């Protein structure tokens, strides 16, 4: 999603990383415009801007995103889909245990499974180009969202704002409670680049 009209920036919305709350924050405080799919990757957004002669805009805009620990991310997606019968993947995973879902998620990413709002991806695929270059200027962390959103609002000359909380999932508080040795191995291998690039661990 790109947000323009006086605020020259691009928000890359990685699903289940606080993006719905961020969208509300911006919609409530700035004139904004959607550009591309809700969960388009930075690489896809760059191509879209280039295709419509937006080279200068893409390279001068302040580009940012939020990530989260992959082990927590997978848990959040699991509980979100299972708790939402309207979700397009609900029927596929509703009867899966968590270990089965971990494998399904990794397989879906590797096969480039396309959903309505974008492909299922790793965070690395969301943010890096094919040459390994990070395409955004700032990577916030969901675990540190209050402090990191202040970095963004300050950069955009917005007043300090309390983050709304939306699109949350009902789940156990500790993601580690979901894992056994096999599910941990699946996520460690399937999200190895994310763990390395964003310095996360179990």
Protein backbone atom coordinates (compact mmCIF):
# COMPACT_ATOMS: atom_id res chain seq x y z
CA UNK A 1 0.00 0.00 0.00
CA UNK A 2 1.34 3.46 -0.86
CA UNK A 3 0.11 6.50 1.03
CA UNK A 4 0.55 9.77 -0.83
CA UNK A 5 -1.17 13.21 -1.05
CA UNK A 6 1.40 15.25 0.87
CA UNK A 7 2.97 12.39 2.83
CA UNK A 8 5.54 10.89 0.53
CA UNK A 9 5.84 7.30 1.70
CA UNK A 10 5.12 3.67 0.93
CA UNK A 11 3.97 1.14 3.52
CA UNK A 12 4.69 -2.50 2.66
CA UNK A 13 2.00 -4.46 4.49
CA UNK A 14 3.18 -7.91 5.60
CA UNK A 15 0.17 -9.85 6.86
CA UNK A 16 -0.18 -10.50 10.60
CA UNK A 17 2.49 -7.93 11.47
CA UNK A 18 0.27 -5.14 12.78
CA UNK A 19 -0.57 -3.81 9.33
CA UNK A 20 -4.34 -3.51 9.80
CA UNK A 21 -3.79 -1.33 12.86
CA UNK A 22 -1.26 0.76 10.94
CA UNK A 23 -3.69 1.23 8.08
CA UNK A 24 -6.30 2.56 10.51
CA UNK A 25 -3.77 4.92 12.05
CA UNK A 26 -2.90 6.40 8.65
CA UNK A 27 -6.48 6.51 7.37
CA UNK A 28 -7.58 8.34 10.51
CA UNK A 29 -4.78 10.92 10.31
CA UNK A 30 -3.71 11.39 6.68
CA UNK A 31 -5.21 11.52 3.20
CA UNK A 32 -4.11 8.19 1.74
CA UNK A 33 -4.32 6.27 -1.50
CA UNK A 34 -4.13 2.49 -1.96
CA UNK A 35 -1.71 1.22 -4.58
CA UNK A 36 -1.46 -2.44 -5.62
CA UNK A 37 -2.61 -5.48 -3.67
CA UNK A 38 -2.95 -5.18 0.10
CA UNK A 39 -0.06 -7.59 0.61
CA UNK A 40 2.07 -6.74 -2.41
CA UNK A 41 5.80 -7.24 -1.94
CA UNK A 42 8.22 -4.33 -2.17
CA UNK A 43 9.53 -5.87 -5.40
CA UNK A 44 6.01 -5.97 -6.86
CA UNK A 45 5.35 -2.39 -5.79
CA UNK A 46 8.61 -1.23 -7.35
CA UNK A 47 7.67 -2.87 -10.65
CA UNK A 48 4.18 -1.33 -10.53
CA UNK A 49 5.59 2.14 -9.94
CA UNK A 50 8.11 1.66 -12.74
CA UNK A 51 5.35 0.48 -15.09
CA UNK A 52 3.39 3.70 -14.52
CA UNK A 53 6.44 6.00 -14.77
CA UNK A 54 6.77 6.27 -11.00
CA UNK A 55 10.53 5.65 -10.85
CA UNK A 56 11.24 8.94 -9.06
CA UNK A 57 8.40 8.46 -6.59
CA UNK A 58 9.49 4.96 -5.59
CA UNK A 59 13.10 5.96 -5.02
CA UNK A 60 12.39 9.18 -3.12
CA UNK A 61 9.47 7.93 -1.01
CA UNK A 62 10.09 6.85 2.59
CA UNK A 63 9.47 3.10 2.52
CA UNK A 64 8.77 1.15 5.69
CA UNK A 65 7.26 -2.05 7.05
CA UNK A 66 6.88 -4.17 10.18
CA UNK A 67 8.10 -7.72 10.77
CA UNK A 68 7.74 -10.18 13.65
CA UNK A 69 9.41 -13.31 14.98
CA UNK A 70 8.66 -16.06 12.41
CA UNK A 71 7.80 -18.55 15.15
CA UNK A 72 5.20 -16.13 16.51
CA UNK A 73 4.12 -15.14 12.99
CA UNK A 74 3.19 -18.71 12.06
CA UNK A 75 1.17 -19.14 15.26
CA UNK A 76 -0.70 -15.90 14.60
CA UNK A 77 -1.58 -16.91 11.05
CA UNK A 78 -2.70 -20.37 12.21
CA UNK A 79 -5.08 -19.03 14.84
CA UNK A 80 -6.28 -16.20 12.60
CA UNK A 81 -7.33 -18.54 9.78
CA UNK A 82 -8.86 -21.11 12.13
CA UNK A 83 -10.92 -18.39 13.82
CA UNK A 84 -12.24 -16.90 10.61
CA UNK A 85 -14.60 -19.10 8.57
CA UNK A 86 -14.68 -16.45 5.83
CA UNK A 87 -10.93 -16.71 5.27
CA UNK A 88 -10.10 -18.17 1.87
CA UNK A 89 -7.79 -20.81 3.40
CA UNK A 90 -10.14 -21.82 6.21
CA UNK A 91 -11.44 -25.02 4.64
CA UNK A 92 -7.90 -26.20 3.86
CA UNK A 93 -6.53 -25.86 7.37
CA UNK A 94 -9.50 -25.94 9.78
CA UNK A 95 -8.85 -29.56 10.85
CA UNK A 96 -5.04 -29.36 10.89
CA UNK A 97 -3.03 -29.55 14.06
CA UNK A 98 -0.29 -26.96 14.44
CA UNK A 99 2.51 -29.16 13.13
CA UNK A 100 0.51 -29.93 10.00
CA UNK A 101 -0.18 -26.24 9.51
CA UNK A 102 3.51 -25.38 9.75
CA UNK A 103 4.23 -27.77 6.89
CA UNK A 104 1.24 -26.50 4.90
CA UNK A 105 2.42 -22.91 5.35
CA UNK A 106 5.97 -23.65 4.20
CA UNK A 107 4.68 -25.66 1.23
CA UNK A 108 2.25 -22.86 0.30
CA UNK A 109 5.07 -20.32 0.29
CA UNK A 110 7.38 -22.51 -1.75
CA UNK A 111 4.63 -23.15 -4.31
CA UNK A 112 3.83 -19.38 -4.43
CA UNK A 113 0.24 -19.92 -3.38
CA UNK A 114 -1.81 -16.93 -4.51
CA UNK A 115 -4.46 -15.47 -2.23
CA UNK A 116 -6.82 -12.61 -3.04
CA UNK A 117 -4.59 -9.96 -1.47
CA UNK A 118 -1.22 -11.42 -2.50
CA UNK A 119 0.95 -14.52 -2.30
CA UNK A 120 1.84 -16.31 0.91
CA UNK A 121 5.48 -15.32 1.43
CA UNK A 122 8.42 -15.13 3.77
CA UNK A 123 9.21 -11.70 5.15
CA UNK A 124 12.46 -11.76 3.19
CA UNK A 125 10.51 -12.23 -0.04
CA UNK A 126 8.30 -9.32 0.94
CA UNK A 127 11.21 -6.92 1.40
CA UNK A 128 14.24 -7.93 -0.68
CA UNK A 129 14.87 -7.95 -4.42
CA UNK A 130 16.36 -10.85 -6.38
CA UNK A 131 19.88 -9.55 -5.78
CA UNK A 132 19.49 -9.53 -2.01
CA UNK A 133 18.96 -5.77 -1.65
CA UNK A 134 16.58 -4.52 1.03
CA UNK A 135 13.98 -2.32 -0.69
CA UNK A 136 12.66 -0.40 2.32
CA UNK A 137 14.23 2.33 4.44
CA UNK A 138 12.93 1.24 7.82
CA UNK A 139 11.98 -2.16 9.23
CA UNK A 140 9.99 -1.93 12.44
CA UNK A 141 9.32 -4.85 14.74
CA UNK A 142 5.89 -5.81 16.00
CA UNK A 143 7.53 -6.65 19.33
CA UNK A 144 8.61 -3.00 19.55
CA UNK A 145 5.73 -1.39 17.68
CA UNK A 146 4.99 1.55 19.99
CA UNK A 147 8.56 2.82 19.86
CA UNK A 148 9.05 2.05 16.17
CA UNK A 149 5.81 3.72 15.07
CA UNK A 150 7.10 6.86 16.77
CA UNK A 151 10.15 6.73 14.49
CA UNK A 152 7.81 6.63 11.49
CA UNK A 153 5.39 9.32 12.63
CA UNK A 154 8.30 11.62 13.50
CA UNK A 155 9.79 11.06 10.05
CA UNK A 156 6.40 11.93 8.50
CA UNK A 157 5.90 14.98 10.74
CA UNK A 158 2.85 13.40 12.37
CA UNK A 159 1.98 13.90 16.04
CA UNK A 160 2.66 11.07 18.47
CA UNK A 161 -0.31 8.70 18.21
CA UNK A 162 -1.39 5.67 20.23
CA UNK A 163 -1.58 2.59 18.03
CA UNK A 164 -5.03 1.02 17.64
CA UNK A 165 -5.17 -2.76 18.01
CA UNK A 166 -7.12 -4.56 15.30
CA UNK A 167 -7.33 -7.96 13.60
CA UNK A 168 -5.92 -9.81 16.60
CA UNK A 169 -6.25 -13.58 17.08
CA UNK A 170 -7.38 -15.57 20.10
CA UNK A 171 -4.41 -17.72 21.07
CA UNK A 172 -2.14 -18.93 23.82
CA UNK A 173 0.03 -16.04 25.04
CA UNK A 174 3.38 -17.80 24.47
CA UNK A 175 4.11 -18.98 20.93
CA UNK A 176 6.56 -21.56 22.27
CA UNK A 177 3.62 -23.49 23.78
CA UNK A 178 2.52 -24.45 20.24
CA UNK A 179 5.75 -26.10 19.19
CA UNK A 180 7.19 -29.57 19.36
CA UNK A 181 10.57 -30.58 17.95
CA UNK A 182 9.18 -31.28 14.48
CA UNK A 183 7.16 -28.09 14.06
CA UNK A 184 10.14 -26.09 15.29
CA UNK A 185 12.36 -27.78 12.71
CA UNK A 186 9.86 -27.05 9.92
CA UNK A 187 9.76 -23.33 10.76
CA UNK A 188 13.52 -23.09 11.33
CA UNK A 189 14.15 -24.51 7.86
CA UNK A 190 11.25 -22.84 6.05
CA UNK A 191 11.94 -19.38 7.47
CA UNK A 192 15.73 -19.63 7.77
CA UNK A 193 16.31 -16.44 5.76
CA UNK A 194 13.88 -14.49 7.92
CA UNK A 195 15.53 -15.69 11.11
CA UNK A 196 18.91 -14.61 9.76
CA UNK A 197 17.93 -11.34 8.07
CA UNK A 198 15.86 -10.00 10.95
CA UNK A 199 17.88 -11.53 13.79
CA UNK A 200 15.18 -13.66 15.38
CA UNK A 201 15.44 -16.96 17.21
CA UNK A 202 13.13 -19.38 18.97
